[in-house]
């Protein structure tokens, strides 16, 4: 199942990490280039600590970070999942080669928490057609994705959030080695 949900920046489109068919549909629906990986929404900082190469000092830094962020890092656990090919049906991620590092977002609202309890980590990206502006209102969601919503190919999930405050996209960065020095990809 594909979901549209609010985040701390704009509305995002997402699917469970284990749903390869929905993953592929997100690329088709958004007209997204296959050389652009999706971010991964995780439930909390503990998940990052247990499943990535971030150290405890870096995790503490992220807990206190005061802007929306996406952290780039290695995750051997997720890499094994992305590289998996199902021998029974040949199913695999169509662009697994683009994932050298992973872009993680940490859940920050009740809608995300609820979805993650049902779906484990989730792939996500902004809910818009590629190269178009981000979407901040349910009206715009219905205009752009109405056909998919009507046919139940996408489920719009929110907690009384019809319009989001327009904020800058998240900062994307990675730490330099084991330090707290950040290398920004987008600021």
Protein backbone atom coordinates (compact mmCIF):
# COMPACT_ATOMS: atom_id res chain seq x y z
CA UNK A 1 0.00 0.00 0.00
CA UNK A 2 1.14 3.53 -0.77
CA UNK A 3 0.41 6.29 1.75
CA UNK A 4 0.42 10.07 1.66
CA UNK A 5 1.17 11.58 5.06
CA UNK A 6 2.17 14.85 6.70
CA UNK A 7 5.73 15.48 7.84
CA UNK A 8 7.49 18.40 9.48
CA UNK A 9 8.09 19.89 6.03
CA UNK A 10 5.46 18.96 3.40
CA UNK A 11 3.22 16.02 2.51
CA UNK A 12 5.15 12.87 1.64
CA UNK A 13 4.35 9.68 -0.24
CA UNK A 14 5.53 6.41 1.35
CA UNK A 15 5.40 2.63 1.39
CA UNK A 16 6.71 -0.10 3.65
CA UNK A 17 10.35 -1.09 3.19
CA UNK A 18 9.22 -4.62 2.28
CA UNK A 19 6.70 -3.60 -0.40
CA UNK A 20 8.69 -3.72 -3.64
CA UNK A 21 5.64 -3.32 -5.90
CA UNK A 22 4.51 -0.11 -4.14
CA UNK A 23 8.10 1.12 -4.20
CA UNK A 24 8.11 0.79 -8.00
CA UNK A 25 4.67 2.46 -8.28
CA UNK A 26 5.94 5.50 -6.33
CA UNK A 27 8.58 6.01 -9.02
CA UNK A 28 5.97 5.68 -11.78
CA UNK A 29 3.37 7.91 -10.11
CA UNK A 30 5.90 10.66 -9.37
CA UNK A 31 7.68 10.24 -12.72
CA UNK A 32 10.84 10.06 -10.63
CA UNK A 33 14.20 9.18 -12.14
CA UNK A 34 15.49 5.78 -11.03
CA UNK A 35 18.88 7.28 -10.20
CA UNK A 36 17.29 9.19 -7.28
CA UNK A 37 16.96 7.02 -4.16
CA UNK A 38 14.12 7.41 -1.67
CA UNK A 39 14.60 8.38 1.98
CA UNK A 40 13.66 5.99 4.78
CA UNK A 41 11.37 6.95 7.66
CA UNK A 42 12.30 5.25 10.95
CA UNK A 43 10.43 5.24 14.26
CA UNK A 44 13.02 6.82 16.55
CA UNK A 45 16.64 7.53 17.36
CA UNK A 46 17.02 4.13 18.99
CA UNK A 47 16.35 2.57 15.59
CA UNK A 48 19.14 4.69 14.08
CA UNK A 49 21.47 3.70 16.91
CA UNK A 50 20.76 -0.01 16.41
CA UNK A 51 20.68 -0.13 12.59
CA UNK A 52 23.16 2.43 11.26
CA UNK A 53 26.82 3.31 11.66
CA UNK A 54 26.04 6.46 13.66
CA UNK A 55 27.76 6.60 17.05
CA UNK A 56 26.08 7.67 20.31
CA UNK A 57 27.58 11.18 20.18
CA UNK A 58 26.14 11.69 16.68
CA UNK A 59 22.73 10.34 17.77
CA UNK A 60 22.69 12.78 20.72
CA UNK A 61 23.54 15.61 18.33
CA UNK A 62 20.61 14.66 16.07
CA UNK A 63 18.20 14.49 19.02
CA UNK A 64 18.94 18.16 19.72
CA UNK A 65 18.98 19.33 16.10
CA UNK A 66 16.43 22.14 15.84
CA UNK A 67 15.54 21.99 12.11
CA UNK A 68 13.97 19.26 9.97
CA UNK A 69 16.81 17.01 8.86
CA UNK A 70 17.63 13.98 6.79
CA UNK A 71 20.76 12.16 7.87
CA UNK A 72 22.88 10.27 5.33
CA UNK A 73 24.70 7.25 6.69
CA UNK A 74 25.54 3.62 6.11
CA UNK A 75 23.21 0.88 7.29
CA UNK A 76 24.48 -2.66 6.73
CA UNK A 77 21.06 -3.98 7.85
CA UNK A 78 19.14 -1.98 5.22
CA UNK A 79 21.81 -2.63 2.56
CA UNK A 80 21.28 -6.40 2.93
CA UNK A 81 17.54 -5.85 2.48
CA UNK A 82 17.94 -3.60 -0.58
CA UNK A 83 20.37 -6.03 -2.24
CA UNK A 84 18.15 -9.08 -1.64
CA UNK A 85 16.83 -10.88 -4.72
CA UNK A 86 13.95 -13.30 -4.19
CA UNK A 87 15.06 -16.48 -5.97
CA UNK A 88 11.48 -17.80 -6.09
CA UNK A 89 9.98 -14.94 -8.09
CA UNK A 90 13.00 -12.85 -9.13
CA UNK A 91 11.62 -9.83 -7.23
CA UNK A 92 14.23 -7.18 -6.42
CA UNK A 93 14.53 -3.41 -6.05
CA UNK A 94 14.70 -2.05 -9.59
CA UNK A 95 17.36 0.55 -8.70
CA UNK A 96 19.20 -0.99 -5.77
CA UNK A 97 22.48 0.23 -7.28
CA UNK A 98 21.71 3.86 -6.24
CA UNK A 99 21.85 3.08 -2.51
CA UNK A 100 25.45 3.51 -1.41
CA UNK A 101 24.33 5.40 1.70
CA UNK A 102 20.82 5.87 3.03
CA UNK A 103 18.88 9.03 3.83
CA UNK A 104 17.00 8.62 7.11
CA UNK A 105 14.16 10.72 8.54
CA UNK A 106 12.99 10.17 12.13
CA UNK A 107 9.23 10.05 12.79
CA UNK A 108 7.95 13.29 14.30
CA UNK A 109 4.14 13.06 14.51
CA UNK A 110 1.31 10.70 15.48
CA UNK A 111 0.46 9.77 11.90
CA UNK A 112 4.02 8.62 11.23
CA UNK A 113 4.18 6.74 14.54
CA UNK A 114 0.94 4.90 13.72
CA UNK A 115 2.04 3.97 10.20
CA UNK A 116 5.42 2.73 11.39
CA UNK A 117 3.75 0.44 13.94
CA UNK A 118 1.87 -1.16 11.03
CA UNK A 119 4.59 -1.07 8.37
CA UNK A 120 8.10 -1.03 9.93
CA UNK A 121 10.51 1.45 8.32
CA UNK A 122 9.10 3.09 5.24
CA UNK A 123 10.48 4.51 2.02
CA UNK A 124 9.34 8.09 1.51
CA UNK A 125 9.74 11.10 -0.70
CA UNK A 126 7.86 14.34 -1.19
CA UNK A 127 4.30 13.85 -2.46
CA UNK A 128 4.54 15.70 -5.74
CA UNK A 129 5.32 14.96 -9.34
CA UNK A 130 9.10 15.15 -9.77
CA UNK A 131 10.45 18.65 -10.40
CA UNK A 132 7.16 20.24 -9.28
CA UNK A 133 6.74 22.22 -6.05
CA UNK A 134 6.14 20.47 -2.73
CA UNK A 135 2.53 20.04 -1.62
CA UNK A 136 1.24 21.59 1.62
CA UNK A 137 -2.56 21.15 1.45
CA UNK A 138 -5.01 18.27 1.17
CA UNK A 139 -6.71 20.13 -1.70
CA UNK A 140 -3.47 19.97 -3.71
CA UNK A 141 -3.05 16.29 -2.80
CA UNK A 142 -6.52 15.56 -4.21
CA UNK A 143 -5.78 17.58 -7.37
CA UNK A 144 -2.51 15.77 -8.10
CA UNK A 145 -3.27 12.27 -6.78
CA UNK A 146 -7.09 12.16 -6.90
CA UNK A 147 -7.23 9.37 -9.49
CA UNK A 148 -5.06 7.13 -7.29
CA UNK A 149 -6.94 8.06 -4.11
CA UNK A 150 -10.31 7.29 -5.73
CA UNK A 151 -9.14 3.85 -6.83
CA UNK A 152 -7.57 3.13 -3.40
CA UNK A 153 -4.09 2.80 -4.90
CA UNK A 154 -2.96 5.46 -2.43
CA UNK A 155 -4.27 6.00 1.08
CA UNK A 156 -4.20 9.58 2.40
CA UNK A 157 -3.46 9.40 6.14
CA UNK A 158 -3.52 12.41 8.44
CA UNK A 159 -4.49 13.49 11.94
CA UNK A 160 -6.62 16.61 11.42
CA UNK A 161 -3.93 18.10 9.19
CA UNK A 162 -5.48 19.68 6.12
CA UNK A 163 -2.89 22.37 5.52
CA UNK A 164 0.76 22.28 6.54
CA UNK A 165 2.80 25.35 7.32
CA UNK A 166 5.17 26.06 4.44
CA UNK A 167 8.66 25.43 5.72
CA UNK A 168 11.97 24.90 3.99
CA UNK A 169 12.82 21.34 2.94
CA UNK A 170 14.85 19.35 5.42
CA UNK A 171 18.57 19.86 5.63
CA UNK A 172 20.40 16.82 4.29
CA UNK A 173 23.81 16.05 5.70
CA UNK A 174 26.18 13.35 6.79
CA UNK A 175 28.78 13.31 9.50
CA UNK A 176 32.45 13.32 8.62
CA UNK A 177 33.74 10.00 9.89
CA UNK A 178 33.14 9.58 13.64
CA UNK A 179 33.02 13.33 14.33
CA UNK A 180 30.16 15.83 14.68
CA UNK A 181 31.39 17.81 11.68
CA UNK A 182 28.62 17.88 9.05
CA UNK A 183 28.97 17.67 5.31
CA UNK A 184 25.81 19.23 3.85
CA UNK A 185 24.16 17.92 0.73
CA UNK A 186 21.30 20.43 1.06
CA UNK A 187 21.12 23.31 3.51
